[in-house]
Protein backbone atom coordinates (compact mmCIF):
# COMPACT_ATOMS: atom_id res chain seq x y z
CA MET A 1 100.10 97.82 109.97
CA SER A 2 97.60 95.00 110.37
CA ASP A 3 93.95 95.00 109.39
CA PRO A 4 91.47 96.16 112.05
CA ASP A 5 89.83 93.44 114.14
CA ILE A 6 86.36 94.91 113.62
CA THR A 7 84.52 94.77 110.31
CA LEU A 8 81.23 96.64 109.94
CA TYR A 9 78.86 95.68 107.14
CA ARG A 10 76.73 98.69 106.30
CA LEU A 11 74.77 100.74 103.79
CA GLN A 12 75.35 104.32 102.68
CA ALA A 13 73.11 106.80 104.55
CA CYS A 14 71.68 104.13 106.88
CA PRO A 15 70.83 105.77 110.24
CA PHE A 16 71.19 102.47 112.11
CA CYS A 17 74.63 101.94 110.58
CA GLU A 18 75.64 105.50 111.44
CA ARG A 19 74.66 104.89 115.06
CA VAL A 20 77.23 102.08 115.20
CA VAL A 21 79.85 104.17 113.36
CA ARG A 22 79.44 106.97 115.92
CA LYS A 23 79.99 104.51 118.77
CA LEU A 24 83.07 102.97 117.12
CA GLU A 25 84.51 106.45 116.65
CA ALA A 26 83.61 107.50 120.21
CA TYR A 27 85.75 104.62 121.48
CA ASP A 28 88.46 105.39 118.91
CA LEU A 29 88.29 101.83 117.58
CA ASP A 30 89.87 100.94 114.26
CA TYR A 31 87.39 99.23 111.98
CA ARG A 32 86.89 98.33 108.34
CA SER A 33 83.67 99.33 106.58
CA ARG A 34 82.23 96.96 104.01
CA PHE A 35 79.44 98.60 102.07
CA VAL A 36 76.86 96.05 100.98
CA GLU A 37 74.30 95.79 98.22
CA PRO A 38 71.27 98.02 98.69
CA MET A 39 68.88 95.26 97.62
CA HIS A 40 68.08 93.13 100.66
CA SER A 41 67.95 89.93 98.57
CA ASP A 42 71.48 90.59 97.21
CA ARG A 43 73.22 90.77 100.60
CA ASP A 44 74.66 87.26 100.51
CA VAL A 45 77.92 88.29 102.18
CA VAL A 46 76.00 89.57 105.22
CA LYS A 47 73.89 86.40 105.36
CA ARG A 48 77.06 84.28 105.30
CA ILE A 49 78.59 86.05 108.27
CA SER A 50 75.55 86.76 110.46
CA GLY A 51 72.80 84.45 109.25
CA LYS A 52 70.65 87.46 108.31
CA ARG A 53 70.61 89.94 105.45
CA THR A 54 70.04 92.97 107.68
CA VAL A 55 72.57 95.71 108.37
CA PRO A 56 74.40 96.83 110.31
CA ALA A 57 76.27 93.63 111.01
CA MET A 58 79.62 93.47 112.76
CA VAL A 59 82.41 90.94 113.17
CA ASP A 60 84.93 91.44 115.98
CA GLU A 61 87.84 89.10 115.32
CA ALA A 62 89.45 90.02 118.66
CA THR A 63 86.59 88.45 120.63
CA GLY A 64 85.07 86.09 118.05
CA VAL A 65 81.73 87.92 118.17
CA THR A 66 79.48 88.32 115.13
CA MET A 67 76.20 90.17 115.51
CA SER A 68 73.59 92.33 113.84
CA GLU A 69 71.04 94.96 114.93
CA SER A 70 72.39 98.38 115.86
CA ALA A 71 71.11 98.35 119.47
CA ASN A 72 72.79 94.99 120.11
CA ILE A 73 76.06 96.15 118.53
CA VAL A 74 76.12 99.43 120.48
CA ASP A 75 75.43 97.55 123.73
CA TYR A 76 78.22 95.09 122.93
CA LEU A 77 80.67 97.91 122.17
CA ASP A 78 79.75 99.65 125.45
CA ARG A 79 80.25 96.46 127.46
CA THR A 80 83.42 95.38 125.66
CA TYR A 81 85.27 98.61 124.94
CA GLY A 82 83.57 101.23 127.09
CA ASP A 83 84.94 102.87 130.18
CA ALA A 84 82.84 102.15 133.26
CA ASP A 85 83.17 105.83 134.27
CA GLU A 86 82.11 107.15 130.86
CA THR A 87 78.78 108.95 130.59
CA GLY A 88 78.28 108.42 126.86
CA GLY A 89 80.15 111.44 125.54
CA ALA A 90 77.46 112.97 123.31
CA ALA A 91 78.87 115.24 120.62
C-alpha cells in the first residue's frame, strides 16, 4: 500500500485543523497527519513547505498543491474532491 497523497500539518486540539480533518474524512480521503511543534517559532517544517509557520497546512501530491489556512484548504477540498450534488453532509 502506498503513502497517501495528502499530508496535513497540524496541532493537537486545534479547531482549525479539526475543521480540515472533518472535511478530509467526509470525502473519505486518505491522508497522513504530521503533528508539528506547538511553539510557532519552532515550526520550521511547515515554513519549508508552505512559506508560513501557521497550521493547518496541507500538501496534495496528486495535484501539486500546497496551501495553508483552514478556509482555503476546505474550499480546495470541496472544489477538487467534492461531489457537485453534495449538500455538505453535516454530521
